[in-house]
Amino acid sequence: MSEPKSPYCNCLYHAANAMARSISRLAEEEFAKADLVPTQAFILMSVINNPGITAGDIARQVELSPSNITRMLDKLEARDLVSRSTEGKLSRVYPTPASLQVEPLIKAAWGRMYARYSQMLGKENGAALAQDLTKASSMLDQQI
């Protein structure tokens, strides 16, 4: 393992952002093969796995703000990858035939991303890191 590159490597803020940039580059490379950005892919998986899901439920699943979800859904709808229907004040999101055709590409990209970071970090380290980050994020969210 190489020496840390930054004098700020012991700062959680700095380390988390550096990690986010690295994993984002890897994810962007893989999901680009499905002509999607990673966030769009995860939103589509939520919609495909839960037809009729609300934007609020998508926001909770992918841990983004409702306004970001709405903006992404607008882009996905413009590409005919989702459709929305309104029931009173409730808007539901559904997969389209086009999104179902893209699903195998998304799953393949997700698999390649997992394989790449597992090869770099080790499967156990990658899994532990994901669990630790999820737990830490939840702890911070409860107090912020």
Protein backbone atom coordinates (compact mmCIF):
# COMPACT_ATOMS: atom_id res chain seq x y z
CA MET A 1 0.00 0.00 0.00
CA SER A 2 1.40 3.43 -0.89
CA GLU A 3 1.87 6.32 1.49
CA PRO A 4 -0.99 8.83 1.82
CA LYS A 5 -0.76 11.59 -0.78
CA SER A 6 -2.31 14.33 1.32
CA PRO A 7 -1.61 15.87 4.70
CA TYR A 8 -5.40 15.82 5.18
CA CYS A 9 -5.85 12.05 4.87
CA ASN A 10 -6.82 11.75 8.56
CA CYS A 11 -9.72 14.17 8.04
CA LEU A 12 -12.96 12.25 7.47
CA TYR A 13 -14.36 15.01 5.25
CA HIS A 14 -11.32 14.95 2.99
CA ALA A 15 -11.05 11.14 2.91
CA ALA A 16 -14.77 10.65 2.19
CA ASN A 17 -14.70 13.14 -0.66
CA ALA A 18 -11.55 11.63 -2.15
CA MET A 19 -13.19 8.18 -1.99
CA ALA A 20 -16.40 9.53 -3.54
CA ARG A 21 -14.46 11.01 -6.45
CA SER A 22 -12.57 7.75 -7.05
CA ILE A 23 -15.59 5.46 -6.90
CA SER A 24 -17.63 7.93 -8.97
CA ARG A 25 -15.05 7.81 -11.78
CA LEU A 26 -15.21 4.03 -11.76
CA ALA A 27 -19.04 3.99 -11.70
CA GLU A 28 -19.30 6.61 -14.44
CA GLU A 29 -17.04 4.54 -16.69
CA GLU A 30 -19.15 1.43 -16.24
CA PHE A 31 -22.62 2.97 -16.41
CA ALA A 32 -21.64 5.01 -19.48
CA LYS A 33 -21.68 1.69 -21.33
CA ALA A 34 -25.45 1.66 -20.66
CA ASP A 35 -25.65 5.34 -21.72
CA LEU A 36 -26.56 6.36 -18.17
CA VAL A 37 -24.98 8.19 -15.28
CA PRO A 38 -24.84 6.10 -12.09
CA THR A 39 -27.66 7.99 -10.36
CA GLN A 40 -29.97 7.40 -13.33
CA ALA A 41 -29.13 3.70 -13.24
CA PHE A 42 -29.96 3.35 -9.54
CA ILE A 43 -33.20 5.29 -10.00
CA LEU A 44 -34.15 3.04 -12.91
CA MET A 45 -33.44 -0.07 -10.84
CA SER A 46 -35.73 1.26 -8.10
CA VAL A 47 -38.48 1.90 -10.66
CA ILE A 48 -38.04 -1.46 -12.40
CA ASN A 49 -38.06 -3.32 -9.08
CA ASN A 50 -41.04 -1.31 -7.75
CA PRO A 51 -43.41 -0.30 -10.57
CA GLY A 52 -45.63 2.54 -9.40
CA ILE A 53 -43.09 3.77 -6.84
CA THR A 54 -43.39 7.39 -5.74
CA ALA A 55 -40.61 9.94 -6.21
CA GLY A 56 -40.38 10.25 -2.42
CA ASP A 57 -39.77 6.52 -2.06
CA ILE A 58 -37.13 6.66 -4.79
CA ALA A 59 -35.46 9.54 -2.92
CA ARG A 60 -35.33 7.45 0.25
CA GLN A 61 -33.96 4.40 -1.58
CA VAL A 62 -31.18 6.22 -3.40
CA GLU A 63 -30.64 8.75 -0.59
CA LEU A 64 -31.05 11.90 -2.66
CA SER A 65 -33.27 14.94 -2.25
CA PRO A 66 -36.73 14.87 -3.86
CA SER A 67 -35.74 17.81 -6.10
CA ASN A 68 -32.76 15.84 -7.46
CA ILE A 69 -35.03 12.85 -8.08
CA THR A 70 -37.55 15.01 -9.93
CA ARG A 71 -34.80 16.44 -12.15
CA MET A 72 -33.46 12.95 -12.92
CA LEU A 73 -36.96 11.61 -13.59
CA ASP A 74 -37.54 14.46 -16.05
CA LYS A 75 -34.42 13.39 -17.96
CA LEU A 76 -35.36 9.70 -17.85
CA GLU A 77 -38.90 10.47 -19.00
CA ALA A 78 -37.56 12.55 -21.90
CA ARG A 79 -35.62 9.44 -22.98
CA ASP A 80 -38.75 7.27 -22.59
CA LEU A 81 -37.11 5.26 -19.81
CA VAL A 82 -39.85 5.97 -17.25
CA SER A 83 -43.45 7.12 -17.34
CA ARG A 84 -45.32 8.99 -14.64
CA SER A 85 -48.98 9.03 -13.74
CA THR A 86 -50.74 11.26 -11.26
CA GLU A 87 -53.35 10.05 -8.82
CA GLY A 88 -54.61 13.13 -7.01
CA LYS A 89 -51.54 14.62 -5.36
CA LEU A 90 -49.58 11.40 -5.71
CA SER A 91 -47.30 10.83 -8.69
CA ARG A 92 -46.25 7.28 -9.48
CA VAL A 93 -43.32 6.20 -11.65
CA TYR A 94 -43.36 3.17 -13.92
CA PRO A 95 -40.78 1.42 -16.07
CA THR A 96 -41.23 1.50 -19.82
CA PRO A 97 -40.40 -1.20 -22.37
CA ALA A 98 -37.23 0.78 -23.14
CA SER A 99 -36.11 0.71 -19.50
CA LEU A 100 -36.72 -3.03 -19.33
CA GLN A 101 -34.43 -3.41 -22.35
CA VAL A 102 -31.74 -1.37 -20.58
CA GLU A 103 -32.04 -3.35 -17.33
CA PRO A 104 -29.53 -6.08 -18.34
CA LEU A 105 -27.02 -3.37 -19.29
CA ILE A 106 -27.47 -1.73 -15.88
CA LYS A 107 -27.01 -5.02 -14.06
CA ALA A 108 -23.91 -5.78 -16.14
CA ALA A 109 -22.45 -2.33 -15.37
CA TRP A 110 -23.19 -2.79 -11.68
CA GLY A 111 -21.48 -6.19 -11.78
CA ARG A 112 -18.42 -4.81 -13.56
CA MET A 113 -18.18 -1.94 -11.10
CA TYR A 114 -18.38 -4.38 -8.17
CA ALA A 115 -15.77 -6.66 -9.75
CA ARG A 116 -13.38 -3.77 -10.37
CA TYR A 117 -13.53 -2.28 -6.91
CA SER A 118 -13.47 -5.74 -5.31
CA GLN A 119 -10.32 -6.54 -7.27
CA MET A 120 -8.74 -3.27 -6.14
CA LEU A 121 -9.87 -3.31 -2.50
CA GLY A 122 -10.57 -6.98 -1.87
CA LYS A 123 -14.13 -8.31 -1.60
CA GLU A 124 -14.16 -8.31 2.20
CA ASN A 125 -12.65 -4.83 2.44
CA GLY A 126 -15.12 -3.45 -0.10
CA ALA A 127 -18.09 -4.97 1.71
CA ALA A 128 -16.86 -3.77 5.11
CA LEU A 129 -16.20 -0.29 3.75
CA ALA A 130 -19.70 -0.07 2.27
CA GLN A 131 -21.24 -1.19 5.58
CA ASP A 132 -19.09 1.21 7.61
CA LEU A 133 -19.89 4.15 5.33
CA THR A 134 -23.61 3.37 5.42
CA LYS A 135 -23.58 3.14 9.21
CA ALA A 136 -21.54 6.34 9.63
CA SER A 137 -23.77 8.23 7.20
CA SER A 138 -26.86 7.12 9.10
CA MET A 139 -25.33 8.17 12.43
CA LEU A 140 -24.45 11.60 11.06
CA ASP A 141 -27.86 12.06 9.42
CA GLN A 142 -29.60 11.40 12.74
CA GLN A 143 -27.71 14.25 14.38
CA ILE A 144 -27.47 16.85 11.63
